[in-house]
PDB file of N, CA and C in Angstrom:
ATOM      1  N   MET A   1      24.618  11.139 120.649  1.00  0.00           N
ATOM      2  CA  MET A   1      24.762  11.887 119.415  1.00  0.00           C
ATOM      3  C   MET A   1      24.610  10.926 118.257  1.00  0.00           C
ATOM      4  N   ASN A   2      23.756  11.262 117.325  1.00  0.00           N
ATOM      5  CA  ASN A   2      23.573  10.401 116.170  1.00  0.00           C
ATOM      6  C   ASN A   2      23.980  11.082 114.873  1.00  0.00           C
ATOM      7  N   GLY A   3      24.431  12.315 114.935  1.00  0.00           N
ATOM      8  CA  GLY A   3      24.902  13.007 113.754  1.00  0.00           C
ATOM      9  C   GLY A   3      23.849  13.796 113.012  1.00  0.00           C
ATOM     10  N   ASP A   4      22.597  13.734 113.455  1.00  0.00           N
ATOM     11  CA  ASP A   4      21.527  14.426 112.731  1.00  0.00           C
ATOM     12  C   ASP A   4      21.751  15.933 112.648  1.00  0.00           C
ATOM     13  N   GLY A   5      22.268  16.541 113.700  1.00  0.00           N
ATOM     14  CA  GLY A   5      22.528  17.982 113.681  1.00  0.00           C
ATOM     15  C   GLY A   5      23.592  18.353 112.664  1.00  0.00           C
ATOM     16  N   LEU A   6      24.606  17.500 112.520  1.00  0.00           N
ATOM     17  CA  LEU A   6      25.657  17.762 111.538  1.00  0.00           C
ATOM     18  C   LEU A   6      25.129  17.572 110.118  1.00  0.00           C
ATOM     19  N   ILE A   7      24.295  16.574 109.926  1.00  0.00           N
ATOM     20  CA  ILE A   7      23.681  16.357 108.616  1.00  0.00           C
ATOM     21  C   ILE A   7      22.799  17.542 108.254  1.00  0.00           C
ATOM     22  N   ALA A   8      22.033  18.033 109.219  1.00  0.00           N
ATOM     23  CA  ALA A   8      21.163  19.189 108.983  1.00  0.00           C
ATOM     24  C   ALA A   8      21.974  20.431 108.617  1.00  0.00           C
ATOM     25  N   ALA A   9      23.191  20.536 109.152  1.00  0.00           N
ATOM     26  CA  ALA A   9      24.053  21.682 108.845  1.00  0.00           C
ATOM     27  C   ALA A   9      24.705  21.550 107.475  1.00  0.00           C
ATOM     28  N   GLY A  10      24.632  20.356 106.876  1.00  0.00           N
ATOM     29  CA  GLY A  10      25.174  20.165 105.541  1.00  0.00           C
ATOM     30  C   GLY A  10      26.400  19.286 105.449  1.00  0.00           C
ATOM     31  N   TYR A  11      26.768  18.636 106.552  1.00  0.00           N
ATOM     32  CA  TYR A  11      27.943  17.771 106.541  1.00  0.00           C
ATOM     33  C   TYR A  11      27.600  16.373 106.042  1.00  0.00           C
ATOM     34  N   ASN A  12      28.614  15.684 105.516  1.00  0.00           N
ATOM     35  CA  ASN A  12      28.519  14.296 105.088  1.00  0.00           C
ATOM     36  C   ASN A  12      29.233  13.476 106.151  1.00  0.00           C
ATOM     37  N   ILE A  13      28.500  12.631 106.872  1.00  0.00           N
ATOM     38  CA  ILE A  13      29.108  11.865 107.958  1.00  0.00           C
ATOM     39  C   ILE A  13      28.993  10.376 107.697  1.00  0.00           C
ATOM     40  N   THR A  14      29.848   9.630 108.373  1.00  0.00           N
ATOM     41  CA  THR A  14      29.788   8.177 108.385  1.00  0.00           C
ATOM     42  C   THR A  14      29.452   7.771 109.801  1.00  0.00           C
ATOM     43  N   LYS A  15      28.278   7.186 109.975  1.00  0.00           N
ATOM     44  CA  LYS A  15      27.857   6.768 111.312  1.00  0.00           C
ATOM     45  C   LYS A  15      28.443   5.401 111.631  1.00  0.00           C
ATOM     46  N   PRO A  16      29.087   5.274 112.787  1.00  0.00           N
ATOM     47  CA  PRO A  16      29.620   3.967 113.174  1.00  0.00           C
ATOM     48  C   PRO A  16      28.501   3.064 113.680  1.00  0.00           C
ATOM     49  N   ASP A  17      28.752   1.767 113.676  1.00  0.00           N
ATOM     50  CA  ASP A  17      27.750   0.822 114.172  1.00  0.00           C
ATOM     51  C   ASP A  17      27.594   0.903 115.682  1.00  0.00           C
ATOM     52  N   ALA A  18      28.689   0.879 116.401  1.00  0.00           N
ATOM     53  CA  ALA A  18      28.596   0.899 117.857  1.00  0.00           C
ATOM     54  C   ALA A  18      29.899   1.437 118.436  1.00  0.00           C
ATOM     55  N   THR A  19      29.951   2.737 118.637  1.00  0.00           N
ATOM     56  CA  THR A  19      31.150   3.349 119.203  1.00  0.00           C
ATOM     57  C   THR A  19      30.810   4.757 119.667  1.00  0.00           C
ATOM     58  N   PHE A  20      31.794   5.492 120.124  1.00  0.00           N
ATOM     59  CA  PHE A  20      31.549   6.836 120.651  1.00  0.00           C
ATOM     60  C   PHE A  20      32.153   7.915 119.768  1.00  0.00           C
ATOM     61  N   TYR A  21      32.356   7.636 118.499  1.00  0.00           N
ATOM     62  CA  TYR A  21      32.877   8.648 117.589  1.00  0.00           C
ATOM     63  C   TYR A  21      32.250   8.458 116.213  1.00  0.00           C
ATOM     64  N   LEU A  22      32.435   9.470 115.373  1.00  0.00           N
ATOM     65  CA  LEU A  22      32.023   9.339 113.984  1.00  0.00           C
ATOM     66  C   LEU A  22      33.032  10.044 113.110  1.00  0.00           C
ATOM     67  N   PHE A  23      33.051   9.655 111.850  1.00  0.00           N
ATOM     68  CA  PHE A  23      33.893  10.311 110.862  1.00  0.00           C
ATOM     69  C   PHE A  23      33.016  11.208 110.013  1.00  0.00           C
ATOM     70  N   MET A  24      33.495  12.419 109.789  1.00  0.00           N
ATOM     71  CA  MET A  24      32.753  13.390 109.000  1.00  0.00           C
ATOM     72  C   MET A  24      33.666  13.874 107.876  1.00  0.00           C
ATOM     73  N   LYS A  25      33.145  13.906 106.669  1.00  0.00           N
ATOM     74  CA  LYS A  25      33.923  14.379 105.522  1.00  0.00           C
ATOM     75  C   LYS A  25      34.216  15.861 105.709  1.00  0.00           C
ATOM     76  N   SER A  26      35.471  16.214 105.562  1.00  0.00           N
ATOM     77  CA  SER A  26      35.854  17.619 105.642  1.00  0.00           C
ATOM     78  C   SER A  26      35.395  18.320 104.362  1.00  0.00           C
ATOM     79  N   PRO A  27      34.900  19.540 104.456  1.00  0.00           N
ATOM     80  CA  PRO A  27      34.477  20.253 103.242  1.00  0.00           C
ATOM     81  C   PRO A  27      35.656  20.713 102.393  1.00  0.00           C
ATOM     82  N   ILE A  28      36.870  20.577 102.947  1.00  0.00           N
ATOM     83  CA  ILE A  28      38.078  20.894 102.178  1.00  0.00           C
ATOM     84  C   ILE A  28      38.993  19.674 102.230  1.00  0.00           C
ATOM     85  N   GLU A  29      39.892  19.586 101.292  1.00  0.00           N
ATOM     86  CA  GLU A  29      40.778  18.421 101.222  1.00  0.00           C
ATOM     87  C   GLU A  29      41.684  18.314 102.441  1.00  0.00           C
ATOM     88  N   ASP A  30      42.120  19.446 102.976  1.00  0.00           N
ATOM     89  CA  ASP A  30      43.064  19.474 104.091  1.00  0.00           C
ATOM     90  C   ASP A  30      42.317  19.348 105.415  1.00  0.00           C
ATOM     91  N   ASP A  31      42.200  18.121 105.900  1.00  0.00           N
ATOM     92  CA  ASP A  31      41.470  17.881 107.142  1.00  0.00           C
ATOM     93  C   ASP A  31      42.132  18.553 108.341  1.00  0.00           C
ATOM     94  N   VAL A  32      43.447  18.705 108.323  1.00  0.00           N
ATOM     95  CA  VAL A  32      44.145  19.388 109.424  1.00  0.00           C
ATOM     96  C   VAL A  32      43.729  20.856 109.470  1.00  0.00           C
ATOM     97  N   ALA A  33      43.662  21.508 108.323  1.00  0.00           N
ATOM     98  CA  ALA A  33      43.255  22.917 108.269  1.00  0.00           C
ATOM     99  C   ALA A  33      41.815  23.081 108.750  1.00  0.00           C
ATOM    100  N   PHE A  34      40.954  22.139 108.405  1.00  0.00           N
ATOM    101  CA  PHE A  34      39.562  22.258 108.849  1.00  0.00           C
ATOM    102  C   PHE A  34      39.458  22.051 110.358  1.00  0.00           C
ATOM    103  N   VAL A  35      40.215  21.126 110.902  1.00  0.00           N
ATOM    104  CA  VAL A  35      40.245  20.932 112.360  1.00  0.00           C
ATOM    105  C   VAL A  35      40.685  22.234 113.037  1.00  0.00           C
ATOM    106  N   ARG A  36      41.672  22.904 112.470  1.00  0.00           N
ATOM    107  CA  ARG A  36      42.142  24.181 113.042  1.00  0.00           C
ATOM    108  C   ARG A  36      41.046  25.250 112.976  1.00  0.00           C
ATOM    109  N   ALA A  37      40.280  25.262 111.898  1.00  0.00           N
ATOM    110  CA  ALA A  37      39.178  26.228 111.777  1.00  0.00           C
ATOM    111  C   ALA A  37      38.128  25.971 112.853  1.00  0.00           C
ATOM    112  N   LEU A  38      37.835  24.703 113.125  1.00  0.00           N
ATOM    113  CA  LEU A  38      36.879  24.379 114.189  1.00  0.00           C
ATOM    114  C   LEU A  38      37.430  24.773 115.556  1.00  0.00           C
ATOM    115  N   GLN A  39      38.730  24.612 115.753  1.00  0.00           N
ATOM    116  CA  GLN A  39      39.343  24.973 117.034  1.00  0.00           C
ATOM    117  C   GLN A  39      39.149  26.455 117.343  1.00  0.00           C
ATOM    118  N   LYS A  40      39.100  27.294 116.324  1.00  0.00           N
ATOM    119  CA  LYS A  40      38.876  28.725 116.544  1.00  0.00           C
ATOM    120  C   LYS A  40      37.528  28.976 117.195  1.00  0.00           C
ATOM    121  N   ARG A  41      36.613  28.035 117.039  1.00  0.00           N
ATOM    122  CA  ARG A  41      35.288  28.129 117.670  1.00  0.00           C
ATOM    123  C   ARG A  41      35.196  27.223 118.903  1.00  0.00           C
ATOM    124  N   ARG A  42      36.375  26.793 119.384  1.00  0.00           N
ATOM    125  CA  ARG A  42      36.469  25.959 120.585  1.00  0.00           C
ATOM    126  C   ARG A  42      35.780  24.607 120.408  1.00  0.00           C
ATOM    127  N   ILE A  43      35.870  24.069 119.181  1.00  0.00           N
ATOM    128  CA  ILE A  43      35.348  22.740 118.885  1.00  0.00           C
ATOM    129  C   ILE A  43      36.549  21.837 118.624  1.00  0.00           C
ATOM    130  N   LEU A  44      36.681  20.813 119.442  1.00  0.00           N
ATOM    131  CA  LEU A  44      37.837  19.922 119.325  1.00  0.00           C
ATOM    132  C   LEU A  44      37.466  18.672 118.534  1.00  0.00           C
ATOM    133  N   THR A  45      38.189  18.458 117.453  1.00  0.00           N
ATOM    134  CA  THR A  45      38.068  17.273 116.617  1.00  0.00           C
ATOM    135  C   THR A  45      39.483  16.834 116.273  1.00  0.00           C
ATOM    136  N   VAL A  46      39.608  15.731 115.548  1.00  0.00           N
ATOM    137  CA  VAL A  46      40.919  15.200 115.193  1.00  0.00           C
ATOM    138  C   VAL A  46      40.945  14.950 113.687  1.00  0.00           C
ATOM    139  N   PRO A  47      42.053  15.286 113.020  1.00  0.00           N
ATOM    140  CA  PRO A  47      42.151  14.983 111.593  1.00  0.00           C
ATOM    141  C   PRO A  47      42.011  13.482 111.345  1.00  0.00           C
ATOM    142  N   GLY A  48      41.228  13.128 110.344  1.00  0.00           N
ATOM    143  CA  GLY A  48      41.005  11.727 110.024  1.00  0.00           C
ATOM    144  C   GLY A  48      42.243  11.005 109.531  1.00  0.00           C
ATOM    145  N   ARG A  49      43.193  11.767 108.977  1.00  0.00           N
ATOM    146  CA  ARG A  49      44.402  11.123 108.444  1.00  0.00           C
ATOM    147  C   ARG A  49      45.143  10.344 109.519  1.00  0.00           C
ATOM    148  N   GLY A  50      45.009  10.737 110.786  1.00  0.00           N
ATOM    149  CA  GLY A  50      45.644  10.001 111.877  1.00  0.00           C
ATOM    150  C   GLY A  50      44.999   8.642 112.130  1.00  0.00           C
ATOM    151  N   PHE A  51      43.833   8.413 111.526  1.00  0.00           N
ATOM    152  CA  PHE A  51      43.110   7.158 111.679  1.00  0.00           C
ATOM    153  C   PHE A  51      42.901   6.478 110.326  1.00  0.00           C
ATOM    154  N   GLY A  52      43.732   6.845 109.349  1.00  0.00           N
ATOM    155  CA  GLY A  52      43.642   6.240 108.029  1.00  0.00           C
ATOM    156  C   GLY A  52      42.526   6.797 107.163  1.00  0.00           C
ATOM    157  N   GLY A  53      42.013   7.980 107.527  1.00  0.00           N
ATOM    158  CA  GLY A  53      40.925   8.583 106.764  1.00  0.00           C
ATOM    159  C   GLY A  53      41.222  10.013 106.360  1.00  0.00           C
ATOM    160  N   PRO A  54      42.221  10.233 105.497  1.00  0.00           N
ATOM    161  CA  PRO A  54      42.500  11.617 105.077  1.00  0.00           C
ATOM    162  C   PRO A  54      41.283  12.225 104.395  1.00  0.00           C
ATOM    163  N   GLY A  55      41.074  13.519 104.639  1.00  0.00           N
ATOM    164  CA  GLY A  55      39.911  14.195 104.075  1.00  0.00           C
ATOM    165  C   GLY A  55      38.686  14.111 104.967  1.00  0.00           C
ATOM    166  N   TYR A  56      38.828  13.459 106.102  1.00  0.00           N
ATOM    167  CA  TYR A  56      37.747  13.333 107.086  1.00  0.00           C
ATOM    168  C   TYR A  56      38.235  13.877 108.421  1.00  0.00           C
ATOM    169  N   ILE A  57      37.294  14.163 109.298  1.00  0.00           N
ATOM    170  CA  ILE A  57      37.659  14.479 110.674  1.00  0.00           C
ATOM    171  C   ILE A  57      36.947  13.495 111.585  1.00  0.00           C
ATOM    172  N   ARG A  58      37.534  13.266 112.728  1.00  0.00           N
ATOM    173  CA  ARG A  58      36.972  12.326 113.702  1.00  0.00           C
ATOM    174  C   ARG A  58      36.416  13.139 114.863  1.00  0.00           C
ATOM    175  N   ILE A  59      35.176  12.846 115.204  1.00  0.00           N
ATOM    176  CA  ILE A  59      34.509  13.534 116.302  1.00  0.00           C
ATOM    177  C   ILE A  59      34.156  12.504 117.365  1.00  0.00           C
ATOM    178  N   ALA A  60      34.675  12.711 118.569  1.00  0.00           N
ATOM    179  CA  ALA A  60      34.317  11.853 119.693  1.00  0.00           C
ATOM    180  C   ALA A  60      33.152  12.508 120.430  1.00  0.00           C
ATOM    181  N   PHE A  61      32.160  11.713 120.750  1.00  0.00           N
ATOM    182  CA  PHE A  61      31.027  12.285 121.460  1.00  0.00           C
ATOM    183  C   PHE A  61      30.862  11.651 122.834  1.00  0.00           C
ATOM    184  N   CYS A  62      31.989  11.610 123.547  1.00  0.00           N
ATOM    185  CA  CYS A  62      31.991  11.100 124.915  1.00  0.00           C
ATOM    186  C   CYS A  62      31.960  12.266 125.907  1.00  0.00           C
ATOM    187  N   VAL A  63      31.226  13.313 125.539  1.00  0.00           N
ATOM    188  CA  VAL A  63      31.030  14.485 126.398  1.00  0.00           C
ATOM    189  C   VAL A  63      29.531  14.649 126.625  1.00  0.00           C
ATOM    190  N   ASP A  64      29.173  15.580 127.489  1.00  0.00           N
ATOM    191  CA  ASP A  64      27.755  15.854 127.732  1.00  0.00           C
ATOM    192  C   ASP A  64      27.030  16.184 126.436  1.00  0.00           C
ATOM    193  N   ASP A  65      25.803  15.743 126.327  1.00  0.00           N
ATOM    194  CA  ASP A  65      24.980  16.074 125.156  1.00  0.00           C
ATOM    195  C   ASP A  65      24.862  17.583 124.988  1.00  0.00           C
ATOM    196  N   GLU A  66      24.810  18.316 126.093  1.00  0.00           N
ATOM    197  CA  GLU A  66      24.699  19.771 126.036  1.00  0.00           C
ATOM    198  C   GLU A  66      25.919  20.396 125.352  1.00  0.00           C
ATOM    199  N   THR A  67      27.096  19.849 125.597  1.00  0.00           N
ATOM    200  CA  THR A  67      28.315  20.343 124.954  1.00  0.00           C
ATOM    201  C   THR A  67      28.221  20.160 123.441  1.00  0.00           C
ATOM    202  N   ILE A  68      27.735  19.025 123.026  1.00  0.00           N
ATOM    203  CA  ILE A  68      27.576  18.745 121.596  1.00  0.00           C
ATOM    204  C   ILE A  68      26.532  19.675 120.987  1.00  0.00           C
ATOM    205  N   THR A  69      25.425  19.844 121.665  1.00  0.00           N
ATOM    206  CA  THR A  69      24.355  20.717 121.163  1.00  0.00           C
ATOM    207  C   THR A  69      24.860  22.147 121.013  1.00  0.00           C
ATOM    208  N   ARG A  70      25.621  22.639 121.983  1.00  0.00           N
ATOM    209  CA  ARG A  70      26.157  24.002 121.906  1.00  0.00           C
ATOM    210  C   ARG A  70      27.143  24.168 120.758  1.00  0.00           C
ATOM    211  N   ALA A  71      27.786  23.102 120.343  1.00  0.00           N
ATOM    212  CA  ALA A  71      28.778  23.172 119.266  1.00  0.00           C
ATOM    213  C   ALA A  71      28.148  23.211 117.876  1.00  0.00           C
ATOM    214  N   MET A  72      26.873  22.873 117.741  1.00  0.00           N
ATOM    215  CA  MET A  72      26.241  22.780 116.419  1.00  0.00           C
ATOM    216  C   MET A  72      26.300  24.093 115.643  1.00  0.00           C
ATOM    217  N   ASP A  73      26.072  25.219 116.308  1.00  0.00           N
ATOM    218  CA  ASP A  73      26.157  26.505 115.607  1.00  0.00           C
ATOM    219  C   ASP A  73      27.567  26.740 115.074  1.00  0.00           C
ATOM    220  N   GLY A  74      28.572  26.395 115.847  1.00  0.00           N
ATOM    221  CA  GLY A  74      29.955  26.553 115.410  1.00  0.00           C
ATOM    222  C   GLY A  74      30.285  25.661 114.226  1.00  0.00           C
ATOM    223  N   PHE A  75      29.776  24.443 114.232  1.00  0.00           N
ATOM    224  CA  PHE A  75      29.967  23.565 113.082  1.00  0.00           C
ATOM    225  C   PHE A  75      29.325  24.181 111.837  1.00  0.00           C
ATOM    226  N   ALA A  76      28.099  24.681 111.976  1.00  0.00           N
ATOM    227  CA  ALA A  76      27.395  25.269 110.823  1.00  0.00           C
ATOM    228  C   ALA A  76      28.111  26.511 110.313  1.00  0.00           C
ATOM    229  N   GLU A  77      28.562  27.373 111.214  1.00  0.00           N
ATOM    230  CA  GLU A  77      29.252  28.607 110.808  1.00  0.00           C
ATOM    231  C   GLU A  77      30.580  28.298 110.115  1.00  0.00           C
ATOM    232  N   THR A  78      31.301  27.316 110.622  1.00  0.00           N
ATOM    233  CA  THR A  78      32.576  26.950 110.013  1.00  0.00           C
ATOM    234  C   THR A  78      32.367  26.386 108.619  1.00  0.00           C
ATOM    235  N   LEU A  79      31.348  25.547 108.456  1.00  0.00           N
ATOM    236  CA  LEU A  79      31.058  24.998 107.145  1.00  0.00           C
ATOM    237  C   LEU A  79      30.726  26.086 106.144  1.00  0.00           C
ATOM    238  N   LYS A  80      29.974  27.084 106.559  1.00  0.00           N
ATOM    239  CA  LYS A  80      29.613  28.196 105.668  1.00  0.00           C
ATOM    240  C   LYS A  80      30.850  28.927 105.150  1.00  0.00           C
ATOM    241  N   GLU A  81      31.896  28.981 105.954  1.00  0.00           N
ATOM    242  CA  GLU A  81      33.131  29.641 105.530  1.00  0.00           C
ATOM    243  C   GLU A  81      33.773  28.934 104.343  1.00  0.00           C
ATOM    244  N   TYR A  82      33.525  27.656 104.207  1.00  0.00           N
ATOM    245  CA  TYR A  82      34.192  26.860 103.184  1.00  0.00           C
ATOM    246  C   TYR A  82      33.283  26.466 102.009  1.00  0.00           C
ATOM    247  N   LYS A  83      32.064  26.916 102.015  1.00  0.00           N
ATOM    248  CA  LYS A  83      31.154  26.593 100.904  1.00  0.00           C
ATOM    249  C   LYS A  83      30.948  27.779 100.023  1.00  0.00           C
TER     250      LYS A  83
END
């Protein structure tokens, strides 16, 4: 996962140099609330505030590429709710 699908959906992400996660700016200030909105679509992420990044969410991509690809529509739909 390189984040291109999330960028195409309209998200602002921070790509790490070499790791299995990325930080993505939450479209709302409350990163916990946005994580909960994604959970309604069965997308698991973690609030960035737990990693010193309030206002961001952390996405681990240590799952099958197919799982990530299937989640892209849910990411796009959730973002539309907040724009």
